[in-house]
Amino acid sequence: MMIVFIRCNDIISDSRAKKYIEFYDRIGCDYKVIAWDRLGISEKVQHAIYCPTKSKYNQGGLQAIVDRLKWMWFILKTLFKFKDNLRIHACDLDAAFPATIYKLFSRRNNYVLFDVFDWISDTLYNQGKIVTLAFNYMEKLATKHADHIIICEPERVKQIPYNIEGRYSVLQNIPSFENMDFLSDDNNYKFDNGKTTLAYVGGFTEDRCLHELIQGAEEGCFNLNIAGYGNKNITERLNSLNKCSTIRYYGKVAYKDGLRIMYNSDIVYAMYSKVNPNHFFAAPNKYYETMFVGKPVITTAGIIIADKVKNNNIGYVMDESYSSLISLIDNIDKDDIKEKSQIAKKMWKQYRNATLDYLNTTYKETFLV
């Protein structure tokens, strides 16, 4: 038996993927990783087989479909090259669909675990009917034939329109580190102007209210530490603001560096757009990362994560507009930030062992048997 872990990125920048791989190393599993370094520039991980197709992030149109089909075909070809029975951990639909096709046609005793990072069909709200129907079929097949399904939050079971009762478990996007020594004060992330400093570390997309965030910092309403990649327009805008005294752009950073940036800021920014149906069920790393670094979070009103933020008093919720952001920052009290930071730190204690506990019990018992 061999484990095959499949994820359509470079792995290095994917905190959730790295948790599983580090766990395999810790317990001495025989495993392979099928990955996709689309730009061909990232550091390669051990045991990995990389798809050779070059592609852009957040690419739309016909080319995006072609590249995605090449990726899924690469997965299928690679799986058929293995001679053993496989335990396949497939992250998201573009890995789970070819994995289930392999399971159905390989005539071997293979096991497929479908790790639902995002329910893809909900991201296709602005696509044509044919594309939506195709993805609905793929999700139905992958869900029906998966042996086990992992979701990021318990509420997400409502998002899946198929029966998965008795076949799913929950692993939240919680940081997992043996120690927190890498979190320390660093003047490289500090601004000497007395203004509140916001941090955003993550993917650059048009539906994360990032243009409003950048505009507010550009106009001097607050400081901004920002790191990430994935959208050409946002990246070019940030590069053009390299002389702005209230913005520091760090590009694509390692996970620990991203957490360090958040630790050295006052508030973490984790906005979503409700135009995207998937965002109502958003299970962002930031919710748990803010507890880890002991900082409050700003997120979108009217989504599940907002209720958790409000109920636990560890941050702020706002509408998706520039005026809401500026009004919020103008009215935030420094003492309130400190109070919410302390609550976030205390809440971390109940989550700090959650990932390892899950891997050592549920994951091991359902997948590594």
Protein backbone atom coordinates (compact mmCIF):
# COMPACT_ATOMS: atom_id res chain seq x y z
CA MET A 1 0.00 0.00 0.00
CA MET A 2 1.20 3.49 -0.84
CA ILE A 3 -0.23 6.93 -0.10
CA VAL A 4 -0.62 9.37 -2.97
CA PHE A 5 -1.32 12.97 -2.00
CA ILE A 6 -2.63 15.21 -4.82
CA ARG A 7 -2.86 19.02 -4.78
CA CYS A 8 -2.92 21.46 -7.70
CA ASN A 9 -0.26 23.84 -6.42
CA ASP A 10 3.42 23.92 -5.51
CA ILE A 11 2.75 22.47 -1.99
CA ILE A 12 5.35 24.83 -0.48
CA SER A 13 2.82 27.65 -0.15
CA ASP A 14 -0.10 25.45 0.93
CA SER A 15 -0.30 25.27 4.73
CA ARG A 16 -3.06 22.65 4.79
CA ALA A 17 -1.23 20.35 2.38
CA LYS A 18 2.01 20.66 4.34
CA LYS A 19 0.30 19.47 7.53
CA TYR A 20 -0.52 16.12 5.96
CA ILE A 21 2.91 15.69 4.37
CA GLU A 22 4.72 16.54 7.59
CA PHE A 23 2.53 13.96 9.31
CA TYR A 24 3.53 11.28 6.78
CA ASP A 25 7.18 12.07 7.42
CA ARG A 26 6.66 11.97 11.17
CA ILE A 27 5.12 8.49 11.18
CA GLY A 28 7.31 7.11 8.38
CA CYS A 29 4.72 6.47 5.65
CA ASP A 30 5.55 5.44 2.11
CA TYR A 31 4.05 8.23 0.02
CA LYS A 32 4.19 10.21 -3.20
CA VAL A 33 2.93 13.71 -3.96
CA ILE A 34 1.40 14.76 -7.27
CA ALA A 35 1.68 18.54 -7.50
CA TRP A 36 1.49 21.41 -9.97
CA ASP A 37 4.02 24.24 -9.82
CA ARG A 38 2.29 26.26 -12.49
CA LEU A 39 4.98 28.93 -12.85
CA GLY A 40 7.87 26.48 -12.51
CA ILE A 41 9.71 28.65 -9.99
CA SER A 42 8.96 27.18 -6.56
CA GLU A 43 11.20 25.05 -4.40
CA LYS A 44 10.44 21.38 -5.00
CA VAL A 45 9.33 19.08 -2.19
CA GLN A 46 10.57 15.55 -1.61
CA HIS A 47 8.62 12.59 -2.98
CA ALA A 48 6.85 14.89 -5.45
CA ILE A 49 5.97 14.34 -9.11
CA TYR A 50 5.20 17.66 -10.81
CA CYS A 51 2.85 18.28 -13.69
CA PRO A 52 4.94 19.87 -16.49
CA THR A 53 2.15 22.13 -17.79
CA LYS A 54 2.87 25.83 -17.31
CA SER A 55 -0.14 27.94 -16.41
CA LYS A 56 -1.17 31.21 -14.80
CA TYR A 57 -3.00 31.62 -11.50
CA ASN A 58 -6.64 32.80 -11.63
CA GLN A 59 -6.61 32.35 -15.38
CA GLY A 60 -9.97 32.43 -17.11
CA GLY A 61 -11.36 31.50 -20.50
CA LEU A 62 -10.64 28.57 -22.77
CA GLN A 63 -6.96 28.37 -21.80
CA ALA A 64 -7.88 27.79 -18.15
CA ILE A 65 -10.10 24.85 -19.15
CA VAL A 66 -7.38 23.37 -21.36
CA ASP A 67 -4.73 23.67 -18.64
CA ARG A 68 -7.04 22.13 -16.04
CA LEU A 69 -7.81 19.20 -18.32
CA LYS A 70 -4.07 18.67 -18.86
CA TRP A 71 -3.59 18.64 -15.08
CA MET A 72 -6.32 16.04 -14.55
CA TRP A 73 -5.00 13.90 -17.40
CA PHE A 74 -1.53 14.07 -15.82
CA ILE A 75 -2.99 12.82 -12.52
CA LEU A 76 -4.73 9.91 -14.24
CA LYS A 77 -1.62 8.89 -16.20
CA THR A 78 0.56 9.08 -13.10
CA LEU A 79 -1.81 7.00 -10.98
CA PHE A 80 -1.89 4.22 -13.57
CA LYS A 81 1.91 4.04 -13.48
CA PHE A 82 1.85 2.91 -9.85
CA LYS A 83 1.75 -0.85 -9.32
CA ASP A 84 0.48 -0.94 -5.73
CA ASN A 85 -2.95 -0.53 -4.24
CA LEU A 86 -3.21 3.16 -3.43
CA ARG A 87 -4.61 5.29 -0.63
CA ILE A 88 -5.31 8.54 -2.49
CA HIS A 89 -5.76 11.83 -0.64
CA ALA A 90 -7.25 14.10 -3.30
CA CYS A 91 -7.44 17.80 -2.46
CA ASP A 92 -10.35 19.54 -4.16
CA LEU A 93 -12.36 18.52 -7.20
CA ASP A 94 -9.64 18.71 -9.85
CA ALA A 95 -7.81 15.99 -7.94
CA ALA A 96 -10.80 14.02 -6.64
CA PHE A 97 -12.47 13.60 -10.05
CA PRO A 98 -9.52 11.93 -11.81
CA ALA A 99 -8.81 9.96 -8.62
CA THR A 100 -12.32 8.48 -8.62
CA ILE A 101 -12.08 7.74 -12.36
CA TYR A 102 -8.87 5.84 -11.60
CA LYS A 103 -10.57 4.00 -8.73
CA LEU A 104 -13.45 2.92 -10.99
CA PHE A 105 -11.28 1.68 -13.88
CA SER A 106 -8.09 0.42 -12.23
CA ARG A 107 -9.64 -2.81 -10.92
CA ARG A 108 -7.56 -2.51 -7.79
CA ASN A 109 -8.41 -2.14 -4.14
CA ASN A 110 -7.89 1.62 -4.07
CA TYR A 111 -9.19 4.12 -1.53
CA VAL A 112 -10.05 7.75 -2.32
CA LEU A 113 -10.29 10.48 0.29
CA PHE A 114 -11.91 13.68 -1.08
CA ASP A 115 -10.64 16.71 0.85
CA VAL A 116 -13.11 19.50 -0.02
CA PHE A 117 -11.15 22.73 0.14
CA ASP A 118 -13.91 24.52 -1.82
CA TRP A 119 -17.22 23.35 -3.28
CA ILE A 120 -16.25 24.25 -6.83
CA SER A 121 -19.68 24.58 -8.45
CA ASP A 122 -20.48 27.44 -6.05
CA THR A 123 -17.57 29.40 -7.50
CA LEU A 124 -19.10 29.18 -10.99
CA TYR A 125 -21.88 31.68 -10.35
CA ASN A 126 -20.76 33.77 -13.35
CA GLN A 127 -20.07 30.90 -15.77
CA GLY A 128 -22.19 29.40 -18.54
CA LYS A 129 -24.72 26.60 -18.10
CA ILE A 130 -22.57 23.97 -19.83
CA VAL A 131 -19.56 24.64 -17.58
CA THR A 132 -21.75 24.54 -14.47
CA LEU A 133 -23.42 21.27 -15.51
CA ALA A 134 -20.03 19.68 -16.20
CA PHE A 135 -18.70 20.57 -12.77
CA ASN A 136 -21.93 19.47 -11.09
CA TYR A 137 -21.50 16.06 -12.70
CA MET A 138 -17.85 15.87 -11.63
CA GLU A 139 -18.74 16.77 -8.03
CA LYS A 140 -21.55 14.24 -7.95
CA LEU A 141 -19.33 11.42 -9.20
CA ALA A 142 -16.41 12.32 -6.93
CA THR A 143 -18.67 12.61 -3.87
CA LYS A 144 -20.55 9.38 -4.61
CA HIS A 145 -17.43 7.26 -5.09
CA ALA A 146 -15.15 8.78 -2.45
CA ASP A 147 -14.60 6.50 0.51
CA HIS A 148 -14.26 9.40 2.91
CA ILE A 149 -14.73 13.18 2.71
CA ILE A 150 -13.04 15.92 4.74
CA ILE A 151 -14.66 19.33 5.12
CA CYS A 152 -13.16 22.47 6.70
CA GLU A 153 -16.03 23.45 9.00
CA PRO A 154 -19.09 21.52 10.26
CA GLU A 155 -21.42 24.04 8.60
CA ARG A 156 -20.05 23.07 5.19
CA VAL A 157 -21.98 19.80 5.18
CA LYS A 158 -25.04 21.93 4.26
CA GLN A 159 -23.24 23.07 1.12
CA ILE A 160 -22.90 19.56 -0.31
CA PRO A 161 -26.17 18.51 -2.00
CA TYR A 162 -25.40 14.79 -1.80
CA ASN A 163 -25.65 12.29 1.03
CA ILE A 164 -22.30 11.98 2.83
CA GLU A 165 -23.68 10.92 6.21
CA GLY A 166 -21.26 8.58 7.95
CA ARG A 167 -18.52 9.28 5.37
CA TYR A 168 -17.17 12.66 6.43
CA SER A 169 -15.09 14.30 9.13
CA VAL A 170 -14.07 17.87 9.92
CA LEU A 171 -10.55 19.31 9.97
CA GLN A 172 -10.48 23.08 10.36
CA ASN A 173 -7.72 25.18 8.82
CA ILE A 174 -5.77 25.43 12.05
CA PRO A 175 -2.01 26.19 12.21
CA SER A 176 0.04 23.28 13.47
CA PHE A 177 3.52 23.95 14.87
CA GLU A 178 5.50 22.32 17.64
CA ASN A 179 6.48 25.75 18.98
CA MET A 180 5.86 29.43 18.36
CA ASP A 181 9.44 30.65 18.67
CA PHE A 182 9.43 32.08 15.16
CA LEU A 183 6.83 34.66 16.24
CA SER A 184 8.82 37.64 17.46
CA ASP A 185 8.79 41.43 17.18
CA ASP A 186 10.43 42.59 13.98
CA ASN A 187 10.97 46.25 13.14
CA ASN A 188 10.99 45.40 9.43
CA TYR A 189 7.20 45.13 9.64
CA LYS A 190 6.65 48.17 11.84
CA PHE A 191 5.51 51.67 10.83
CA ASP A 192 6.63 54.65 12.89
CA ASN A 193 3.57 56.84 12.41
CA GLY A 194 1.12 55.84 15.15
CA LYS A 195 -1.51 54.54 12.70
CA THR A 196 -3.26 51.19 12.95
CA THR A 197 -1.52 48.50 10.87
CA LEU A 198 -3.57 45.94 8.94
CA ALA A 199 -2.15 42.71 7.51
CA TYR A 200 -3.30 40.65 4.56
CA VAL A 201 -1.46 37.44 3.63
CA GLY A 202 -3.02 35.15 1.04
CA GLY A 203 -4.26 34.78 -2.49
CA PHE A 204 -4.91 37.85 -4.60
CA THR A 205 -8.38 37.67 -6.17
CA GLU A 206 -10.97 40.23 -7.18
CA ASP A 207 -13.50 38.92 -4.63
CA ARG A 208 -11.53 39.55 -1.43
CA CYS A 209 -12.11 43.34 -1.20
CA LEU A 210 -8.40 43.97 -1.71
CA HIS A 211 -8.77 47.07 -3.88
CA GLU A 212 -10.60 48.81 -1.02
CA LEU A 213 -7.87 47.72 1.39
CA ILE A 214 -5.08 49.03 -0.83
CA GLN A 215 -6.91 52.29 -1.48
CA GLY A 216 -7.35 52.96 2.23
CA ALA A 217 -3.65 52.42 2.90
CA GLU A 218 -2.65 54.46 -0.16
CA GLU A 219 -4.70 57.39 1.16
CA GLY A 220 -3.01 57.12 4.55
CA CYS A 221 -6.01 55.95 6.57
CA PHE A 222 -3.97 53.07 8.01
CA ASN A 223 -0.76 51.11 7.40
CA LEU A 224 -0.76 47.90 5.39
CA ASN A 225 1.51 44.86 5.46
CA ILE A 226 0.48 42.74 2.48
CA ALA A 227 1.85 39.53 0.96
CA GLY A 228 0.49 37.19 -1.66
CA TYR A 229 0.13 36.44 -5.36
CA GLY A 230 -2.34 35.31 -8.00
CA ASN A 231 -3.80 38.42 -9.64
CA LYS A 232 -1.82 40.49 -12.13
CA ASN A 233 -3.80 43.70 -11.63
CA ILE A 234 -3.39 43.67 -7.85
CA THR A 235 0.29 42.73 -8.04
CA GLU A 236 1.04 45.51 -10.53
CA ARG A 237 -0.86 48.02 -8.42
CA LEU A 238 1.15 47.11 -5.33
CA ASN A 239 4.44 47.24 -7.23
CA SER A 240 3.55 50.75 -8.43
CA LEU A 241 3.08 51.81 -4.79
CA ASN A 242 6.55 50.75 -3.67
CA LYS A 243 7.32 54.31 -2.51
CA CYS A 244 4.09 54.68 -0.51
CA SER A 245 5.08 55.16 3.14
CA THR A 246 2.00 53.33 4.48
CA ILE A 247 2.21 50.16 2.34
CA ARG A 248 4.75 47.33 2.38
CA TYR A 249 4.33 44.58 -0.17
CA TYR A 250 6.34 41.39 0.37
CA GLY A 251 5.29 39.31 -2.63
CA LYS A 252 4.84 35.57 -2.18
CA VAL A 253 6.10 34.46 1.24
CA ALA A 254 6.59 31.22 3.15
CA TYR A 255 3.87 30.28 5.63
CA LYS A 256 5.90 31.12 8.74
CA ASP A 257 6.86 34.50 7.28
CA GLY A 258 3.19 35.21 6.62
CA LEU A 259 2.32 34.45 10.22
CA ARG A 260 5.21 36.66 11.34
CA ILE A 261 3.80 39.53 9.27
CA MET A 262 0.41 39.13 10.96
CA TYR A 263 2.02 38.91 14.40
CA ASN A 264 3.75 42.25 13.82
CA SER A 265 0.54 44.00 12.70
CA ASP A 266 -2.46 45.20 14.73
CA ILE A 267 -5.35 43.55 12.84
CA VAL A 268 -5.64 40.76 10.26
CA TYR A 269 -7.80 41.44 7.18
CA ALA A 270 -9.91 38.50 5.96
CA MET A 271 -12.72 39.89 3.81
CA TYR A 272 -14.88 37.92 1.38
CA SER A 273 -17.41 38.88 -1.27
CA LYS A 274 -20.94 37.50 -0.97
CA VAL A 275 -21.23 37.70 -4.76
CA ASN A 276 -19.40 34.35 -4.61
CA PRO A 277 -21.80 31.77 -3.05
CA ASN A 278 -18.82 29.75 -1.82
CA HIS A 279 -17.84 32.58 0.48
CA PHE A 280 -20.94 32.21 2.64
CA PHE A 281 -19.34 28.98 3.85
CA ALA A 282 -15.80 30.37 3.91
CA ALA A 283 -13.50 28.51 6.28
CA PRO A 284 -10.46 30.78 6.11
CA ASN A 285 -7.14 29.97 7.67
CA LYS A 286 -7.17 33.53 8.99
CA TYR A 287 -9.83 32.82 11.62
CA TYR A 288 -7.54 30.36 13.39
CA GLU A 289 -4.30 32.08 12.43
CA THR A 290 -5.44 35.23 14.24
CA MET A 291 -5.80 33.19 17.42
CA PHE A 292 -2.35 31.72 16.83
CA VAL A 293 -0.73 35.15 16.44
CA GLY A 294 -3.02 36.78 19.01
CA LYS A 295 -4.57 39.47 16.79
CA PRO A 296 -8.18 40.46 16.00
CA VAL A 297 -9.62 39.93 12.53
CA ILE A 298 -11.76 41.96 10.14
CA THR A 299 -14.22 39.94 8.04
CA THR A 300 -17.42 40.21 6.02
CA ALA A 301 -20.81 40.66 7.67
CA GLY A 302 -23.45 38.05 6.87
CA ILE A 303 -21.29 34.93 6.45
CA ILE A 304 -20.70 32.03 8.85
CA ILE A 305 -17.24 33.20 9.87
CA ALA A 306 -18.65 36.59 10.89
CA ASP A 307 -20.96 34.95 13.44
CA LYS A 308 -17.99 33.17 15.01
CA VAL A 309 -15.98 36.39 15.16
CA LYS A 310 -18.83 38.32 16.79
CA ASN A 311 -19.84 35.57 19.22
CA ASN A 312 -16.27 35.18 20.47
CA ASN A 313 -15.43 38.92 20.40
CA ILE A 314 -12.15 38.37 18.54
CA GLY A 315 -12.58 40.90 15.76
CA TYR A 316 -14.78 43.12 13.63
CA VAL A 317 -17.32 42.59 10.85
CA MET A 318 -18.21 45.08 8.12
CA ASP A 319 -19.96 45.47 4.79
CA GLU A 320 -18.10 45.12 1.52
CA SER A 321 -17.40 48.76 0.77
CA TYR A 322 -14.61 51.28 1.03
CA SER A 323 -16.70 53.58 3.23
CA SER A 324 -17.40 50.74 5.69
CA LEU A 325 -13.69 49.99 5.98
CA ILE A 326 -12.71 53.60 6.60
CA SER A 327 -15.54 54.10 9.11
CA LEU A 328 -14.49 50.96 10.97
CA ILE A 329 -10.83 51.97 11.17
CA ASP A 330 -11.71 55.52 12.21
CA ASN A 331 -13.78 54.22 15.12
CA ILE A 332 -11.57 51.40 16.35
CA ASP A 333 -10.18 51.99 19.82
CA LYS A 334 -6.59 50.92 20.55
CA ASP A 335 -7.68 49.46 23.90
CA ASP A 336 -10.37 47.43 22.14
CA ILE A 337 -7.73 45.98 19.79
CA LYS A 338 -5.68 44.94 22.83
CA GLU A 339 -8.71 43.38 24.50
CA LYS A 340 -9.65 41.35 21.44
CA SER A 341 -6.02 40.31 21.02
CA GLN A 342 -5.99 38.87 24.53
CA ILE A 343 -9.23 36.97 23.89
CA ALA A 344 -7.77 35.56 20.66
CA LYS A 345 -4.66 34.36 22.52
CA LYS A 346 -6.79 32.62 25.14
CA MET A 347 -8.96 30.95 22.50
CA TRP A 348 -5.87 29.50 20.81
CA LYS A 349 -5.37 27.18 23.79
CA GLN A 350 -8.45 25.14 22.83
CA TYR A 351 -7.28 24.72 19.23
CA ARG A 352 -3.50 24.36 19.43
CA ASN A 353 -3.54 20.52 19.52
CA ALA A 354 -6.63 20.05 17.32
CA THR A 355 -4.82 19.28 14.05
CA LEU A 356 -2.43 16.73 15.52
CA ASP A 357 -5.25 15.11 17.51
CA TYR A 358 -7.28 14.74 14.31
CA LEU A 359 -4.36 13.29 12.34
CA ASN A 360 -3.48 10.84 15.11
CA THR A 361 -7.05 9.59 15.48
CA THR A 362 -9.68 10.18 12.78
CA TYR A 363 -7.29 10.53 9.85
CA LYS A 364 -5.14 7.57 10.82
CA GLU A 365 -8.14 5.36 11.56
CA THR A 366 -10.02 6.14 8.34
CA PHE A 367 -7.17 6.54 5.85
CA LEU A 368 -3.97 4.94 7.07
CA VAL A 369 -5.28 1.44 7.70
